[in-house]
Amino acid sequence: MVNRFLFTKIDNSPLIIFRIFFGILVALECYGAMLTGWIKRTLVEPRFTFNFIGFDWLQPLPGVGMYIYFFIMGTLGVMIALGYRYRFSIISFTLLWTGVYLMQKTSYNNHYYLLVLISGWMCFFPAHRSRSLDLRRHPALKSDAMYAWVKWAIIFQLLIVYVYAAIAKVYGDWLDFGIIRILMLGKEHYYVIGELLQQPWIHKIIGIVGILFDLLIVPALLYKPTRKFAFFVSIFFHLFNSIVFQIGIFPYLSLAFTVFFFKPESIRKIFFKRKKPYLPNKMEVPAYSTLLYTLGGLYFLVQLALPLRQHFIEDEVLWTEEGHRLSWRMMLRSRSGTLQFKVVEKSSENSKIVNLDDYLSKKQKRRIAAYPDFIWQFAQYLKKEYAAQGTDISVYAVNSKVSINGRPMRAFIDPKVDLAVAKWDYFWHNEWILPSPNFKSRPSPDLHPRIK
């Protein structure tokens, strides 16, 4: 039964057109990062880059290095779209994109993580066996079929993303639409829709539709009677996100995924009218089936487990941020804060307050005041900098306060803990984060958000 479900051969048209869409979109993302100044603001100008903890060895290249890096990634995207040296192109892009993802988190986005995962899957897909330049060099590669597991791997991955996103929205500040109100602040100037986005009734529609869309879109696309309706709803939903939140290629990548929900024959007739149809739909269990079951099972077990880890960590994830990333908790909170770092020389007991302007960009300063891992990492950076000068120091986060979703500022980091010697716990609660306050008070509508 399972073998028939996964190893029936079907027309590969959805995979081929997705490869083309995917390559074009990642090329636009990478070239766009160069043209819009994202690379300069995020990777070139900052003196210190907040990488994922444990990946300190991944640092931005000096000089024009990161521009070359992104140009190479964009060119690899073009090669993927054309199907030119596909395996080399997709594996290289996956490694380089994962490197950028782990290299910095000041501009963290759940979609960047999704692109890491999808790129990884694409390394194993036979996406170059039709409509590719590789066939000119190796005609024997040509095939009009693929195994059904390719389609279901993408669909199951999307199901995990959307369902966890829906579940995460079922909490107070989303259900009373307070966070929606905050998300819409600062968008009054948008042409035509700016004033509309400030209306409470629009906030209610966005909040309710957000949960229902995430929860139902995958089943609705899978069910033939609702498929076309769900597709048009998906177009509206993702275009709305693109216009209002301006999140780059990802609404369009989400639309590209929908090709896997339609019958392969329908996709062939739309995009590849001259392509020979694949009709047999025979089951052929490949030699690697056991390996696929093992590795695929482990992969999806991890994907199912990661978003649940927050429930095993002390205190609330909304406050501590522990267990937030890699969990599909999207557009759920606004954080702002105040903070000072006090450096104390152990030999002389002399102390001073660090001027963050000497080290961090404006965006980094907003992040560091509100996120505990940023605070700890910067304390470690100060420790290393002073150690290079022969000075042993203690580092304290003083006057540390955070506001969540527009609520009043509350004390965040224990000012008595020397963060220079504190350890970062990757899997459990870090005790130097003060206990969370009561979240029952309603958010203020006047606070402008720092959202990610």
Protein backbone atom coordinates (compact mmCIF):
# COMPACT_ATOMS: atom_id res chain seq x y z
CA MET A 1 0.00 0.00 0.00
CA VAL A 2 2.69 2.49 1.03
CA ASN A 3 4.95 1.33 -1.80
CA ARG A 4 2.20 1.99 -4.32
CA PHE A 5 1.57 5.42 -2.80
CA LEU A 6 5.23 6.48 -2.96
CA PHE A 7 6.71 4.52 -5.84
CA THR A 8 4.10 4.78 -8.57
CA LYS A 9 5.65 6.59 -11.52
CA ILE A 10 3.80 9.73 -12.63
CA ASP A 11 4.31 12.50 -15.18
CA ASN A 12 7.18 14.75 -14.04
CA SER A 13 5.78 18.00 -15.49
CA PRO A 14 5.06 19.56 -12.04
CA LEU A 15 8.66 19.00 -10.95
CA ILE A 16 10.10 20.40 -14.17
CA ILE A 17 8.08 23.62 -14.09
CA PHE A 18 8.77 23.99 -10.37
CA ARG A 19 12.51 23.72 -11.08
CA ILE A 20 12.20 26.56 -13.56
CA PHE A 21 10.15 28.74 -11.20
CA PHE A 22 12.47 27.92 -8.30
CA GLY A 23 15.62 28.82 -10.22
CA ILE A 24 14.20 32.12 -11.46
CA LEU A 25 12.94 33.14 -8.03
CA VAL A 26 16.16 32.37 -6.13
CA ALA A 27 18.13 34.22 -8.83
CA LEU A 28 15.87 37.26 -8.33
CA GLU A 29 16.29 36.98 -4.55
CA CYS A 30 20.08 36.93 -4.76
CA TYR A 31 20.48 39.61 -7.41
CA GLY A 32 17.87 41.70 -5.60
CA ALA A 33 19.87 41.50 -2.36
CA MET A 34 22.75 43.13 -4.23
CA LEU A 35 20.68 45.86 -5.88
CA THR A 36 18.54 46.85 -2.89
CA GLY A 37 21.43 47.26 -0.47
CA TRP A 38 20.45 44.29 1.70
CA ILE A 39 23.96 42.82 1.51
CA LYS A 40 25.53 46.13 2.43
CA ARG A 41 23.22 46.77 5.39
CA THR A 42 23.23 43.21 6.71
CA LEU A 43 26.64 41.72 5.95
CA VAL A 44 29.12 44.39 4.87
CA GLU A 45 28.61 47.46 7.08
CA PRO A 46 28.15 45.79 10.52
CA ARG A 47 31.33 45.42 12.54
CA PHE A 48 29.89 42.36 14.26
CA THR A 49 27.50 39.82 12.73
CA PHE A 50 25.12 37.77 14.86
CA ASN A 51 25.47 34.28 13.45
CA PHE A 52 23.57 31.25 14.72
CA ILE A 53 25.21 30.19 17.97
CA GLY A 54 27.78 27.49 17.27
CA PHE A 55 28.56 28.79 13.79
CA ASP A 56 31.00 31.55 14.72
CA TRP A 57 33.35 30.29 12.01
CA LEU A 58 30.81 31.40 9.39
CA GLN A 59 31.65 35.06 8.90
CA PRO A 60 30.95 37.44 5.98
CA LEU A 61 33.69 37.65 3.38
CA PRO A 62 35.67 40.92 3.44
CA GLY A 63 35.55 43.67 0.85
CA VAL A 64 33.37 42.84 -2.13
CA GLY A 65 33.38 39.17 -1.16
CA MET A 66 29.68 38.98 -0.21
CA TYR A 67 28.63 40.66 -3.45
CA ILE A 68 30.55 38.00 -5.38
CA TYR A 69 29.03 35.34 -3.10
CA PHE A 70 25.46 36.47 -3.91
CA PHE A 71 26.25 36.92 -7.59
CA ILE A 72 27.40 33.30 -7.68
CA MET A 73 24.21 32.19 -5.92
CA GLY A 74 22.08 34.17 -8.36
CA THR A 75 23.93 32.64 -11.30
CA LEU A 76 23.42 29.19 -9.83
CA GLY A 77 19.70 30.00 -9.72
CA VAL A 78 19.78 30.73 -13.46
CA MET A 79 21.62 27.46 -14.05
CA ILE A 80 18.99 25.59 -12.01
CA ALA A 81 16.19 27.12 -14.06
CA LEU A 82 17.93 26.14 -17.30
CA GLY A 83 18.79 22.68 -16.01
CA TYR A 84 22.47 23.27 -16.72
CA ARG A 85 24.77 21.04 -14.64
CA TYR A 86 21.77 20.67 -12.39
CA ARG A 87 23.24 18.53 -9.61
CA PHE A 88 26.27 20.79 -9.24
CA SER A 89 24.09 23.91 -9.37
CA ILE A 90 21.48 22.88 -6.81
CA ILE A 91 23.95 21.35 -4.35
CA SER A 92 26.20 24.43 -4.58
CA PHE A 93 23.26 26.79 -4.12
CA THR A 94 21.99 24.81 -1.12
CA LEU A 95 25.37 24.96 0.60
CA LEU A 96 25.88 28.66 -0.11
CA TRP A 97 22.35 29.64 0.90
CA THR A 98 22.59 27.60 4.11
CA GLY A 99 25.87 29.39 4.83
CA VAL A 100 24.20 32.81 4.53
CA TYR A 101 21.26 31.63 6.64
CA LEU A 102 23.55 30.53 9.47
CA MET A 103 25.88 33.50 9.04
CA GLN A 104 23.43 36.11 10.28
CA LYS A 105 20.08 36.26 12.06
CA THR A 106 19.57 40.01 12.36
CA SER A 107 17.33 39.63 9.30
CA TYR A 108 16.00 36.22 10.31
CA ASN A 109 12.95 35.04 8.42
CA ASN A 110 11.14 31.70 8.55
CA HIS A 111 11.06 31.73 4.78
CA TYR A 112 14.85 31.67 4.61
CA TYR A 113 14.72 28.45 6.64
CA LEU A 114 12.07 26.99 4.33
CA LEU A 115 14.31 27.74 1.35
CA VAL A 116 17.13 25.81 3.03
CA LEU A 117 14.84 22.79 3.39
CA ILE A 118 13.37 22.92 -0.11
CA SER A 119 16.80 23.42 -1.67
CA GLY A 120 17.98 20.38 0.23
CA TRP A 121 15.13 18.28 -1.15
CA MET A 122 15.80 19.55 -4.67
CA CYS A 123 19.30 18.07 -4.47
CA PHE A 124 17.71 14.62 -4.56
CA PHE A 125 14.94 15.27 -7.08
CA PRO A 126 15.41 14.27 -10.75
CA ALA A 127 14.40 17.77 -11.86
CA HIS A 128 16.77 17.89 -14.84
CA ARG A 129 15.41 14.95 -16.82
CA SER A 130 13.19 17.04 -19.05
CA ARG A 131 13.43 20.56 -20.51
CA SER A 132 17.04 20.97 -19.40
CA LEU A 133 20.37 21.79 -21.01
CA ASP A 134 21.83 18.72 -19.33
CA LEU A 135 19.99 16.57 -21.87
CA ARG A 136 22.08 18.03 -24.68
CA ARG A 137 25.18 16.59 -23.04
CA HIS A 138 23.56 13.43 -21.70
CA PRO A 139 20.48 12.47 -23.78
CA ALA A 140 20.18 9.21 -21.86
CA LEU A 141 18.97 11.20 -18.82
CA LYS A 142 15.73 12.11 -20.54
CA SER A 143 12.59 10.91 -18.83
CA ASP A 144 8.96 12.01 -18.70
CA ALA A 145 8.33 10.33 -15.34
CA MET A 146 9.16 10.68 -11.68
CA TYR A 147 8.30 8.73 -8.54
CA ALA A 148 5.24 9.95 -6.64
CA TRP A 149 7.32 10.36 -3.45
CA VAL A 150 8.81 13.53 -4.94
CA LYS A 151 5.38 15.14 -5.01
CA TRP A 152 4.41 13.91 -1.55
CA ALA A 153 7.67 15.01 0.07
CA ILE A 154 6.91 18.62 -0.94
CA ILE A 155 3.25 18.39 0.07
CA PHE A 156 4.02 16.90 3.50
CA GLN A 157 6.65 19.56 4.12
CA LEU A 158 4.12 22.28 3.30
CA LEU A 159 1.51 20.61 5.50
CA ILE A 160 3.89 20.79 8.46
CA VAL A 161 4.67 24.46 7.79
CA TYR A 162 1.06 25.56 7.46
CA VAL A 163 -0.46 23.48 10.26
CA TYR A 164 2.14 24.55 12.81
CA ALA A 165 1.72 28.17 11.66
CA ALA A 166 -2.04 27.87 12.27
CA ILE A 167 -1.61 26.29 15.71
CA ALA A 168 0.88 28.98 16.75
CA LYS A 169 -1.71 31.69 15.97
CA VAL A 170 -4.16 30.26 18.50
CA TYR A 171 -3.08 32.47 21.39
CA GLY A 172 -4.42 35.58 23.09
CA ASP A 173 -2.82 38.40 21.16
CA TRP A 174 -3.79 36.91 17.80
CA LEU A 175 -7.30 35.89 18.83
CA ASP A 176 -8.11 39.39 20.15
CA PHE A 177 -6.44 40.85 17.01
CA GLY A 178 -4.05 42.99 19.08
CA ILE A 179 -0.97 41.77 17.21
CA ILE A 180 -2.74 42.37 13.86
CA ARG A 181 -3.26 45.99 14.87
CA ILE A 182 0.43 46.32 15.65
CA LEU A 183 1.44 44.62 12.40
CA MET A 184 -0.52 47.22 10.46
CA LEU A 185 1.02 50.23 12.19
CA GLY A 186 3.24 52.27 9.92
CA LYS A 187 1.36 51.15 6.80
CA GLU A 188 -1.03 54.12 6.67
CA HIS A 189 0.89 55.55 3.73
CA TYR A 190 0.24 52.54 1.48
CA TYR A 191 -1.50 53.63 -1.70
CA VAL A 192 -5.26 52.94 -1.69
CA ILE A 193 -5.20 50.30 1.09
CA GLY A 194 -3.23 52.18 3.77
CA GLU A 195 -6.21 53.60 5.67
CA LEU A 196 -8.18 50.42 5.16
CA LEU A 197 -5.46 48.40 6.91
CA GLN A 198 -6.03 50.45 10.07
CA GLN A 199 -9.69 49.46 10.41
CA PRO A 200 -10.60 47.06 13.27
CA TRP A 201 -12.93 45.04 11.06
CA ILE A 202 -10.06 44.44 8.62
CA HIS A 203 -7.91 43.25 11.53
CA LYS A 204 -10.58 40.72 12.44
CA ILE A 205 -10.79 39.43 8.87
CA ILE A 206 -6.99 39.14 8.62
CA GLY A 207 -6.78 37.32 11.96
CA ILE A 208 -9.52 34.81 11.21
CA VAL A 209 -8.49 34.22 7.59
CA GLY A 210 -4.86 33.81 8.67
CA ILE A 211 -5.72 30.84 10.89
CA LEU A 212 -8.20 29.26 8.48
CA PHE A 213 -5.90 29.61 5.47
CA ASP A 214 -2.92 28.02 7.23
CA LEU A 215 -5.05 25.20 8.61
CA LEU A 216 -7.06 24.36 5.50
CA ILE A 217 -5.10 25.34 2.41
CA VAL A 218 -3.22 22.05 1.96
CA PRO A 219 -6.30 19.82 2.42
CA ALA A 220 -8.32 22.15 0.17
CA LEU A 221 -5.71 21.95 -2.59
CA LEU A 222 -5.57 18.16 -2.28
CA TYR A 223 -9.37 17.76 -2.52
CA LYS A 224 -10.43 18.00 -6.17
CA PRO A 225 -13.83 19.76 -5.62
CA THR A 226 -12.15 22.64 -3.70
CA ARG A 227 -8.82 22.72 -5.55
CA LYS A 228 -9.49 25.56 -7.98
CA PHE A 229 -11.18 27.70 -5.35
CA ALA A 230 -8.27 27.11 -2.97
CA PHE A 231 -5.82 28.04 -5.73
CA PHE A 232 -7.47 31.41 -6.33
CA VAL A 233 -7.68 32.06 -2.58
CA SER A 234 -3.98 31.21 -2.41
CA ILE A 235 -3.20 33.75 -5.15
CA PHE A 236 -5.06 36.50 -3.26
CA PHE A 237 -3.54 35.54 0.10
CA HIS A 238 0.05 35.49 -1.12
CA LEU A 239 -0.27 38.63 -3.24
CA PHE A 240 -1.72 40.40 -0.19
CA ASN A 241 1.28 39.29 1.87
CA SER A 242 3.65 40.39 -0.86
CA ILE A 243 2.13 43.88 -1.09
CA VAL A 244 1.55 44.51 2.62
CA PHE A 245 4.57 42.83 4.20
CA GLN A 246 7.03 43.05 1.29
CA ILE A 247 8.71 39.70 1.97
CA GLY A 248 10.54 39.20 -1.29
CA ILE A 249 10.13 36.09 -3.44
CA PHE A 250 8.42 33.90 -0.90
CA PRO A 251 4.75 34.55 -1.69
CA TYR A 252 5.57 33.65 -5.28
CA LEU A 253 7.54 30.57 -4.24
CA SER A 254 4.50 29.51 -2.22
CA LEU A 255 2.36 29.86 -5.33
CA ALA A 256 4.90 27.82 -7.30
CA PHE A 257 4.38 24.93 -4.85
CA THR A 258 0.76 24.62 -5.98
CA VAL A 259 1.84 22.85 -9.20
CA PHE A 260 2.29 19.69 -7.11
CA PHE A 261 -1.40 19.67 -6.14
CA PHE A 262 -2.81 19.54 -9.66
CA LYS A 263 -2.84 16.47 -11.87
CA PRO A 264 0.50 16.14 -13.68
CA GLU A 265 -1.34 15.85 -16.98
CA SER A 266 -3.01 19.23 -16.34
CA ILE A 267 0.35 20.86 -15.66
CA ARG A 268 1.78 19.32 -18.83
CA LYS A 269 -1.05 20.69 -20.95
CA ILE A 270 -0.59 24.19 -19.54
CA PHE A 271 3.20 24.52 -19.59
CA PHE A 272 4.55 21.80 -21.89
CA LYS A 273 2.02 21.20 -24.65
CA ARG A 274 4.60 19.51 -26.85
CA LYS A 275 5.92 17.28 -24.09
CA LYS A 276 5.09 13.62 -24.50
CA PRO A 277 2.54 12.54 -21.86
CA TYR A 278 3.47 9.81 -19.43
CA LEU A 279 0.56 7.43 -19.09
CA PRO A 280 1.57 4.03 -17.64
CA ASN A 281 1.51 5.06 -13.93
CA LYS A 282 3.20 1.81 -13.00
CA MET A 283 4.64 1.02 -9.59
CA GLU A 284 8.38 0.31 -9.57
CA VAL A 285 10.05 -0.04 -6.18
CA PRO A 286 13.59 1.34 -6.51
CA ALA A 287 16.68 -0.20 -4.95
CA TYR A 288 17.01 2.77 -2.60
CA SER A 289 13.51 2.35 -1.11
CA THR A 290 14.76 1.22 2.32
CA LEU A 291 17.16 4.16 2.49
CA LEU A 292 14.37 6.55 1.51
CA TYR A 293 12.07 5.18 4.22
CA THR A 294 14.83 5.50 6.83
CA LEU A 295 16.20 8.94 5.97
CA GLY A 296 12.83 10.38 4.98
CA GLY A 297 11.26 9.10 8.19
CA LEU A 298 14.02 10.60 10.33
CA TYR A 299 13.82 13.91 8.48
CA PHE A 300 10.07 14.33 8.96
CA LEU A 301 10.30 13.14 12.56
CA VAL A 302 12.72 16.01 13.22
CA GLN A 303 10.47 18.44 11.35
CA LEU A 304 7.52 17.38 13.49
CA ALA A 305 9.52 17.53 16.73
CA LEU A 306 11.32 20.88 16.36
CA PRO A 307 8.18 23.05 16.68
CA LEU A 308 7.15 21.13 19.80
CA ARG A 309 10.34 21.72 21.76
CA GLN A 310 9.06 25.01 23.18
CA HIS A 311 6.59 23.05 25.32
CA PHE A 312 9.46 21.28 27.10
CA ILE A 313 11.41 24.47 27.86
CA GLU A 314 10.67 26.41 31.03
CA ASP A 315 8.69 29.66 30.75
CA GLU A 316 6.83 31.12 27.76
CA VAL A 317 8.38 31.16 24.30
CA LEU A 318 6.72 34.53 23.67
CA TRP A 319 8.94 35.94 26.42
CA THR A 320 12.17 33.94 26.28
CA GLU A 321 12.29 33.26 22.50
CA GLU A 322 13.68 29.80 23.37
CA GLY A 323 12.19 27.39 20.85
CA HIS A 324 10.85 30.13 18.58
CA ARG A 325 13.07 29.66 15.54
CA LEU A 326 12.60 26.66 13.21
CA SER A 327 9.04 26.34 14.52
CA TRP A 328 6.96 28.19 11.91
CA ARG A 329 5.90 30.85 14.40
CA MET A 330 5.29 33.55 11.79
CA MET A 331 4.07 37.13 12.31
CA LEU A 332 3.20 36.41 15.94
CA ARG A 333 4.92 39.05 18.02
CA SER A 334 6.48 42.47 18.19
CA ARG A 335 9.46 42.97 20.48
CA SER A 336 11.20 46.17 21.53
CA GLY A 337 13.54 46.84 24.40
CA THR A 338 16.13 48.94 26.19
CA LEU A 339 19.53 47.73 27.30
CA GLN A 340 22.99 48.78 28.47
CA PHE A 341 26.13 46.67 28.72
CA LYS A 342 28.39 47.31 31.69
CA VAL A 343 31.99 46.09 31.36
CA VAL A 344 33.97 45.57 34.58
CA GLU A 345 37.74 44.99 34.53
CA LYS A 346 38.42 42.21 37.02
CA SER A 347 41.90 43.42 37.94
CA SER A 348 40.98 47.02 38.77
CA GLU A 349 37.20 46.88 39.27
CA ASN A 350 36.94 49.81 36.85
CA SER A 351 33.69 49.78 34.92
CA LYS A 352 32.12 51.54 31.98
CA ILE A 353 28.96 51.47 29.89
CA VAL A 354 29.54 50.27 26.33
CA ASN A 355 28.54 52.62 23.53
CA LEU A 356 26.61 50.30 21.21
CA ASP A 357 26.94 52.81 18.36
CA ASP A 358 30.63 51.87 18.19
CA TYR A 359 29.76 48.25 17.39
CA LEU A 360 26.28 47.77 15.96
CA SER A 361 24.02 48.96 13.15
CA LYS A 362 20.61 50.49 13.91
CA LYS A 363 18.83 47.24 13.13
CA GLN A 364 21.25 45.26 15.27
CA LYS A 365 20.67 47.63 18.20
CA ARG A 366 16.93 47.03 17.96
CA ARG A 367 17.50 43.28 17.92
CA ILE A 368 20.03 43.13 20.74
CA ALA A 369 17.77 44.96 23.16
CA ALA A 370 14.99 42.40 22.81
CA TYR A 371 16.51 38.98 22.09
CA PRO A 372 18.44 36.97 24.72
CA ASP A 373 20.73 35.10 22.32
CA PHE A 374 21.83 38.41 20.79
CA ILE A 375 22.58 39.75 24.26
CA TRP A 376 24.66 36.71 25.20
CA GLN A 377 26.56 36.68 21.90
CA PHE A 378 27.51 40.33 22.19
CA ALA A 379 28.76 39.75 25.74
CA GLN A 380 30.98 36.98 24.38
CA TYR A 381 32.22 39.29 21.65
CA LEU A 382 33.18 41.96 24.21
CA LYS A 383 34.95 39.32 26.29
CA LYS A 384 37.06 38.23 23.30
CA GLU A 385 37.82 41.80 22.26
CA TYR A 386 39.11 42.74 25.70
CA ALA A 387 40.98 39.45 26.06
CA ALA A 388 42.85 40.27 22.83
CA GLN A 389 44.05 43.41 24.63
CA GLY A 390 45.13 41.40 27.67
CA THR A 391 42.19 42.43 29.88
CA ASP A 392 39.89 40.00 31.69
CA ILE A 393 36.40 41.41 32.09
CA SER A 394 32.92 40.73 33.36
CA VAL A 395 29.93 41.78 31.28
CA TYR A 396 26.53 42.67 32.73
CA ALA A 397 23.28 43.53 30.97
CA VAL A 398 21.90 46.43 33.02
CA ASN A 399 18.61 48.30 32.63
CA SER A 400 17.42 45.45 30.41
CA LYS A 401 13.71 45.76 29.71
CA VAL A 402 11.50 44.31 26.99
CA SER A 403 8.03 45.05 25.68
CA ILE A 404 6.09 42.24 24.02
CA ASN A 405 3.30 43.14 21.61
CA GLY A 406 3.11 46.73 22.82
CA ARG A 407 2.77 46.00 26.53
CA PRO A 408 4.66 47.98 29.21
CA MET A 409 8.41 47.35 29.51
CA ARG A 410 9.39 44.61 31.95
CA ALA A 411 12.79 43.59 33.35
CA PHE A 412 14.31 40.98 31.04
CA ILE A 413 17.91 39.95 31.88
CA ASP A 414 19.27 39.40 35.40
CA PRO A 415 21.69 42.33 35.93
CA LYS A 416 23.72 40.34 38.50
CA VAL A 417 24.77 37.58 36.09
CA ASP A 418 28.18 37.87 34.44
CA LEU A 419 27.31 37.06 30.85
CA ALA A 420 30.99 36.74 29.95
CA VAL A 421 31.13 33.45 31.85
CA ALA A 422 27.48 32.39 31.47
CA LYS A 423 26.88 29.41 29.21
CA TRP A 424 24.32 29.28 26.46
CA ASP A 425 21.98 26.32 26.81
CA TYR A 426 20.97 25.21 23.33
CA PHE A 427 18.14 22.93 24.41
CA TRP A 428 16.82 24.17 27.76
CA HIS A 429 16.04 27.40 29.58
CA ASN A 430 18.78 29.92 30.33
CA GLU A 431 18.27 30.94 33.94
CA TRP A 432 19.66 34.46 33.50
CA ILE A 433 16.51 35.37 31.57
CA LEU A 434 14.15 36.73 34.21
CA PRO A 435 10.72 35.08 34.61
CA SER A 436 8.00 36.23 32.25
CA PRO A 437 5.40 38.76 33.41
CA ASN A 438 1.64 38.36 33.23
CA PHE A 439 0.58 38.59 29.58
CA LYS A 440 -3.09 39.26 30.30
CA SER A 441 -2.89 43.04 29.84
CA ARG A 442 -3.89 44.20 26.37
CA PRO A 443 -1.26 45.54 23.96
CA SER A 444 -1.01 49.26 23.37
CA PRO A 445 -1.99 50.38 19.84
CA ASP A 446 0.56 53.20 19.87
CA LEU A 447 3.83 51.26 19.89
CA HIS A 448 5.49 50.87 16.52
CA PRO A 449 6.73 47.31 16.09
CA ARG A 450 10.06 45.66 15.55
CA ILE A 451 8.77 42.51 13.95
CA LYS A 452 10.42 39.34 12.66
